[in-house]
Amino acid sequence: MPMSTVGKSADAMRKKGFTLFELLVVMALLAVVAGLVVPQLDMNFGGTGVEAVQKFLRGSVDRCRMQAQLGRTDVVLRFHQNSLSIDGSKEPLRFPPSARFKELVFPSEKESEETRLVFNRQGITSTTIVRVEIGSTMYSFLVSPVIQRVDYRKGTARFDDFMD
């Protein structure tokens, strides 16, 4: 005797659908890919001026934040004269051609030779000023854990100079 079509279609529907877990995994993978691709696109079309460096730093910081949050692990962003590197990435991220990294400045009074930012698993890093020479002019870029944008000032600005 043939089986009821009601029971058959319920089984078929269960086998054809996706579970919530499968959907979440796919969404997480898409977010990782977007986090790796979008900052790269944004950084490559910026030109050579201060706005290009601002976009470059913003994209790099956003990428580290997302990578730390999705991986639930610390992510280290290292600064080199002409590039940045993210621990675990194979390719360095190159500054726009006329830009050269000079130093990181932290809120503490002590001088530091530190050339890295550490993003914790929530994607938070310490407030930092990144000094970059563009052409022959120095610029100071503020990276803040609270404000998710990168501001800049011409010259060797201090933290007080960003309070306006």
C-alpha atoms as a PDB file:
ATOM      1  CA  MET A   1       0.000   0.000   0.000  1.00  0.00           C
ATOM      2  CA  PRO A   2       1.412   3.429  -0.885  1.00  0.00           C
ATOM      3  CA  MET A   3       2.717   5.738   1.843  1.00  0.00           C
ATOM      4  CA  SER A   4       0.816   8.904   2.661  1.00  0.00           C
ATOM      5  CA  THR A   5       2.028  11.981   0.814  1.00  0.00           C
ATOM      6  CA  VAL A   6       1.643  14.043   3.979  1.00  0.00           C
ATOM      7  CA  GLY A   7       4.402  12.176   5.801  1.00  0.00           C
ATOM      8  CA  LYS A   8       6.578  12.136   2.721  1.00  0.00           C
ATOM      9  CA  SER A   9       6.425  15.874   2.097  1.00  0.00           C
ATOM     10  CA  ALA A  10       7.229  16.669   5.738  1.00  0.00           C
ATOM     11  CA  ASP A  11      10.358  14.484   5.515  1.00  0.00           C
ATOM     12  CA  ALA A  12      11.283  15.992   2.170  1.00  0.00           C
ATOM     13  CA  MET A  13      10.881  19.519   3.514  1.00  0.00           C
ATOM     14  CA  ARG A  14      13.109  18.778   6.499  1.00  0.00           C
ATOM     15  CA  LYS A  15      15.818  17.462   4.209  1.00  0.00           C
ATOM     16  CA  LYS A  16      15.601  20.369   1.737  1.00  0.00           C
ATOM     17  CA  GLY A  17      15.933  23.243   4.233  1.00  0.00           C
ATOM     18  CA  PHE A  18      18.911  24.685   6.041  1.00  0.00           C
ATOM     19  CA  THR A  19      19.368  24.716   9.785  1.00  0.00           C
ATOM     20  CA  LEU A  20      19.879  27.945  11.665  1.00  0.00           C
ATOM     21  CA  PHE A  21      23.424  26.858  12.463  1.00  0.00           C
ATOM     22  CA  GLU A  22      24.238  26.340   8.768  1.00  0.00           C
ATOM     23  CA  LEU A  23      22.897  29.785   7.918  1.00  0.00           C
ATOM     24  CA  LEU A  24      24.940  31.391  10.709  1.00  0.00           C
ATOM     25  CA  VAL A  25      28.113  29.670   9.497  1.00  0.00           C
ATOM     26  CA  VAL A  26      27.540  30.945   5.948  1.00  0.00           C
ATOM     27  CA  MET A  27      26.863  34.476   7.234  1.00  0.00           C
ATOM     28  CA  ALA A  28      30.060  34.402   9.317  1.00  0.00           C
ATOM     29  CA  LEU A  29      32.088  33.282   6.296  1.00  0.00           C
ATOM     30  CA  LEU A  30      30.601  36.062   4.171  1.00  0.00           C
ATOM     31  CA  ALA A  31      31.446  38.599   6.883  1.00  0.00           C
ATOM     32  CA  VAL A  32      35.065  37.383   6.985  1.00  0.00           C
ATOM     33  CA  VAL A  33      35.382  37.630   3.202  1.00  0.00           C
ATOM     34  CA  ALA A  34      33.813  41.103   3.209  1.00  0.00           C
ATOM     35  CA  GLY A  35      36.156  42.159   6.009  1.00  0.00           C
ATOM     36  CA  LEU A  36      39.165  41.091   3.981  1.00  0.00           C
ATOM     37  CA  VAL A  37      38.064  42.354   0.566  1.00  0.00           C
ATOM     38  CA  VAL A  38      36.278  45.663   1.269  1.00  0.00           C
ATOM     39  CA  PRO A  39      39.163  47.388   3.129  1.00  0.00           C
ATOM     40  CA  GLN A  40      41.543  46.322   0.357  1.00  0.00           C
ATOM     41  CA  LEU A  41      39.305  47.865  -2.314  1.00  0.00           C
ATOM     42  CA  ASP A  42      38.928  51.054  -0.285  1.00  0.00           C
ATOM     43  CA  MET A  43      42.691  51.333   0.241  1.00  0.00           C
ATOM     44  CA  ASN A  44      43.675  50.733  -3.377  1.00  0.00           C
ATOM     45  CA  PHE A  45      41.647  53.572  -4.918  1.00  0.00           C
ATOM     46  CA  GLY A  46      42.620  56.334  -2.524  1.00  0.00           C
ATOM     47  CA  GLY A  47      45.391  58.189  -4.362  1.00  0.00           C
ATOM     48  CA  THR A  48      48.453  59.539  -2.590  1.00  0.00           C
ATOM     49  CA  GLY A  49      47.384  62.342  -0.225  1.00  0.00           C
ATOM     50  CA  VAL A  50      46.399  62.577   3.417  1.00  0.00           C
ATOM     51  CA  GLU A  51      42.862  61.340   2.676  1.00  0.00           C
ATOM     52  CA  ALA A  52      44.335  58.187   1.108  1.00  0.00           C
ATOM     53  CA  VAL A  53      46.376  57.520   4.254  1.00  0.00           C
ATOM     54  CA  GLN A  54      43.291  58.189   6.390  1.00  0.00           C
ATOM     55  CA  LYS A  55      41.281  55.637   4.354  1.00  0.00           C
ATOM     56  CA  PHE A  56      44.181  53.192   4.459  1.00  0.00           C
ATOM     57  CA  LEU A  57      44.471  53.387   8.264  1.00  0.00           C
ATOM     58  CA  ARG A  58      40.687  53.225   8.715  1.00  0.00           C
ATOM     59  CA  GLY A  59      40.448  50.146   6.495  1.00  0.00           C
ATOM     60  CA  SER A  60      43.333  48.434   8.283  1.00  0.00           C
ATOM     61  CA  VAL A  61      41.893  49.185  11.748  1.00  0.00           C
ATOM     62  CA  ASP A  62      38.414  48.021  10.681  1.00  0.00           C
ATOM     63  CA  ARG A  63      39.885  44.827   9.267  1.00  0.00           C
ATOM     64  CA  CYS A  64      41.706  44.096  12.546  1.00  0.00           C
ATOM     65  CA  ARG A  65      38.604  44.845  14.612  1.00  0.00           C
ATOM     66  CA  MET A  66      36.470  42.509  12.519  1.00  0.00           C
ATOM     67  CA  GLN A  67      39.107  39.771  12.488  1.00  0.00           C
ATOM     68  CA  ALA A  68      39.445  39.948  16.293  1.00  0.00           C
ATOM     69  CA  GLN A  69      35.680  39.856  16.848  1.00  0.00           C
ATOM     70  CA  LEU A  70      34.989  37.023  14.414  1.00  0.00           C
ATOM     71  CA  GLY A  71      37.990  34.962  15.515  1.00  0.00           C
ATOM     72  CA  ARG A  72      37.456  35.777  19.204  1.00  0.00           C
ATOM     73  CA  THR A  73      41.182  36.220  19.589  1.00  0.00           C
ATOM     74  CA  ASP A  74      43.727  39.030  19.837  1.00  0.00           C
ATOM     75  CA  VAL A  75      44.923  40.485  16.533  1.00  0.00           C
ATOM     76  CA  VAL A  76      48.201  42.397  16.199  1.00  0.00           C
ATOM     77  CA  LEU A  77      48.670  45.202  13.664  1.00  0.00           C
ATOM     78  CA  ARG A  78      52.382  45.917  13.121  1.00  0.00           C
ATOM     79  CA  PHE A  79      53.651  49.155  11.597  1.00  0.00           C
ATOM     80  CA  HIS A  80      56.642  49.233   9.253  1.00  0.00           C
ATOM     81  CA  GLN A  81      58.088  52.205   7.383  1.00  0.00           C
ATOM     82  CA  ASN A  82      56.163  51.569   4.138  1.00  0.00           C
ATOM     83  CA  SER A  83      53.549  49.020   5.166  1.00  0.00           C
ATOM     84  CA  LEU A  84      51.440  47.367   7.841  1.00  0.00           C
ATOM     85  CA  SER A  85      51.177  43.691   8.617  1.00  0.00           C
ATOM     86  CA  ILE A  86      48.494  41.790  10.449  1.00  0.00           C
ATOM     87  CA  ASP A  87      49.740  38.741  12.308  1.00  0.00           C
ATOM     88  CA  GLY A  88      48.603  35.669  10.415  1.00  0.00           C
ATOM     89  CA  SER A  89      48.256  37.474   7.046  1.00  0.00           C
ATOM     90  CA  LYS A  90      50.623  36.581   4.258  1.00  0.00           C
ATOM     91  CA  GLU A  91      50.684  39.885   2.389  1.00  0.00           C
ATOM     92  CA  PRO A  92      51.635  43.235   3.951  1.00  0.00           C
ATOM     93  CA  LEU A  93      49.327  46.203   3.436  1.00  0.00           C
ATOM     94  CA  ARG A  94      51.253  48.954   1.639  1.00  0.00           C
ATOM     95  CA  PHE A  95      50.936  52.628   2.566  1.00  0.00           C
ATOM     96  CA  PRO A  96      50.168  54.969  -0.340  1.00  0.00           C
ATOM     97  CA  PRO A  97      53.442  55.712  -2.214  1.00  0.00           C
ATOM     98  CA  SER A  98      54.292  59.095  -0.671  1.00  0.00           C
ATOM     99  CA  ALA A  99      53.586  58.034   2.956  1.00  0.00           C
ATOM    100  CA  ARG A 100      56.117  56.787   5.537  1.00  0.00           C
ATOM    101  CA  PHE A 101      55.245  55.563   9.025  1.00  0.00           C
ATOM    102  CA  LYS A 102      57.159  57.436  11.752  1.00  0.00           C
ATOM    103  CA  GLU A 103      55.843  56.481  15.212  1.00  0.00           C
ATOM    104  CA  LEU A 104      52.977  55.457  17.482  1.00  0.00           C
ATOM    105  CA  VAL A 105      52.117  57.693  20.433  1.00  0.00           C
ATOM    106  CA  PHE A 106      50.153  56.292  23.381  1.00  0.00           C
ATOM    107  CA  PRO A 107      48.381  58.279  26.142  1.00  0.00           C
ATOM    108  CA  SER A 108      50.927  57.302  28.799  1.00  0.00           C
ATOM    109  CA  GLU A 109      53.629  59.841  29.580  1.00  0.00           C
ATOM    110  CA  LYS A 110      56.457  57.384  28.910  1.00  0.00           C
ATOM    111  CA  GLU A 111      58.196  57.342  25.543  1.00  0.00           C
ATOM    112  CA  SER A 112      57.707  54.088  23.720  1.00  0.00           C
ATOM    113  CA  GLU A 113      59.383  52.389  20.802  1.00  0.00           C
ATOM    114  CA  GLU A 114      56.255  50.286  20.282  1.00  0.00           C
ATOM    115  CA  THR A 115      55.290  49.735  16.648  1.00  0.00           C
ATOM    116  CA  ARG A 116      52.185  47.617  17.061  1.00  0.00           C
ATOM    117  CA  LEU A 117      48.544  47.854  18.058  1.00  0.00           C
ATOM    118  CA  VAL A 118      46.838  44.902  19.724  1.00  0.00           C
ATOM    119  CA  PHE A 119      43.096  44.450  19.188  1.00  0.00           C
ATOM    120  CA  ASN A 120      41.461  42.281  21.849  1.00  0.00           C
ATOM    121  CA  ARG A 121      38.730  39.744  21.086  1.00  0.00           C
ATOM    122  CA  GLN A 122      36.083  42.502  21.268  1.00  0.00           C
ATOM    123  CA  GLY A 123      37.994  44.430  18.577  1.00  0.00           C
ATOM    124  CA  ILE A 124      39.170  47.142  20.978  1.00  0.00           C
ATOM    125  CA  THR A 125      42.650  48.656  21.010  1.00  0.00           C
ATOM    126  CA  SER A 126      44.157  51.482  23.029  1.00  0.00           C
ATOM    127  CA  THR A 127      43.744  55.069  21.887  1.00  0.00           C
ATOM    128  CA  THR A 128      46.775  55.831  19.748  1.00  0.00           C
ATOM    129  CA  ILE A 129      48.196  58.541  17.549  1.00  0.00           C
ATOM    130  CA  VAL A 130      49.846  57.229  14.382  1.00  0.00           C
ATOM    131  CA  ARG A 131      52.371  59.683  12.972  1.00  0.00           C
ATOM    132  CA  VAL A 132      52.944  59.455   9.238  1.00  0.00           C
ATOM    133  CA  GLU A 133      55.075  61.606   6.974  1.00  0.00           C
ATOM    134  CA  ILE A 134      53.390  62.334   3.643  1.00  0.00           C
ATOM    135  CA  GLY A 135      55.840  63.914   1.236  1.00  0.00           C
ATOM    136  CA  SER A 136      57.745  66.173   3.597  1.00  0.00           C
ATOM    137  CA  THR A 137      54.813  66.986   5.919  1.00  0.00           C
ATOM    138  CA  MET A 138      54.066  65.183   9.192  1.00  0.00           C
ATOM    139  CA  TYR A 139      50.459  64.197  10.005  1.00  0.00           C
ATOM    140  CA  SER A 140      49.038  62.736  13.208  1.00  0.00           C
ATOM    141  CA  PHE A 141      46.147  60.257  12.910  1.00  0.00           C
ATOM    142  CA  LEU A 142      44.041  59.415  15.964  1.00  0.00           C
ATOM    143  CA  VAL A 143      42.882  55.802  16.313  1.00  0.00           C
ATOM    144  CA  SER A 144      40.253  55.536  19.039  1.00  0.00           C
ATOM    145  CA  PRO A 145      38.485  52.479  20.484  1.00  0.00           C
ATOM    146  CA  VAL A 146      35.339  54.557  21.068  1.00  0.00           C
ATOM    147  CA  ILE A 147      35.065  56.625  17.895  1.00  0.00           C
ATOM    148  CA  GLN A 148      35.220  54.213  15.001  1.00  0.00           C
ATOM    149  CA  ARG A 149      36.805  56.648  12.602  1.00  0.00           C
ATOM    150  CA  VAL A 150      40.317  57.943  12.066  1.00  0.00           C
ATOM    151  CA  ASP A 151      40.793  61.706  12.517  1.00  0.00           C
ATOM    152  CA  TYR A 152      43.944  63.557  11.554  1.00  0.00           C
ATOM    153  CA  ARG A 153      45.765  66.811  12.229  1.00  0.00           C
ATOM    154  CA  LYS A 154      48.698  68.358  10.410  1.00  0.00           C
ATOM    155  CA  GLY A 155      51.956  68.276  12.350  1.00  0.00           C
ATOM    156  CA  THR A 156      52.927  66.354  15.484  1.00  0.00           C
ATOM    157  CA  ALA A 157      49.586  66.702  17.250  1.00  0.00           C
ATOM    158  CA  ARG A 158      48.995  65.591  20.857  1.00  0.00           C
ATOM    159  CA  PHE A 159      45.855  63.954  22.265  1.00  0.00           C
ATOM    160  CA  ASP A 160      44.578  67.354  23.460  1.00  0.00           C
ATOM    161  CA  ASP A 161      44.662  68.637  19.878  1.00  0.00           C
ATOM    162  CA  PHE A 162      41.932  66.150  18.911  1.00  0.00           C
ATOM    163  CA  MET A 163      39.504  67.416  21.588  1.00  0.00           C
ATOM    164  CA  ASP A 164      37.426  69.916  19.627  1.00  0.00           C
END
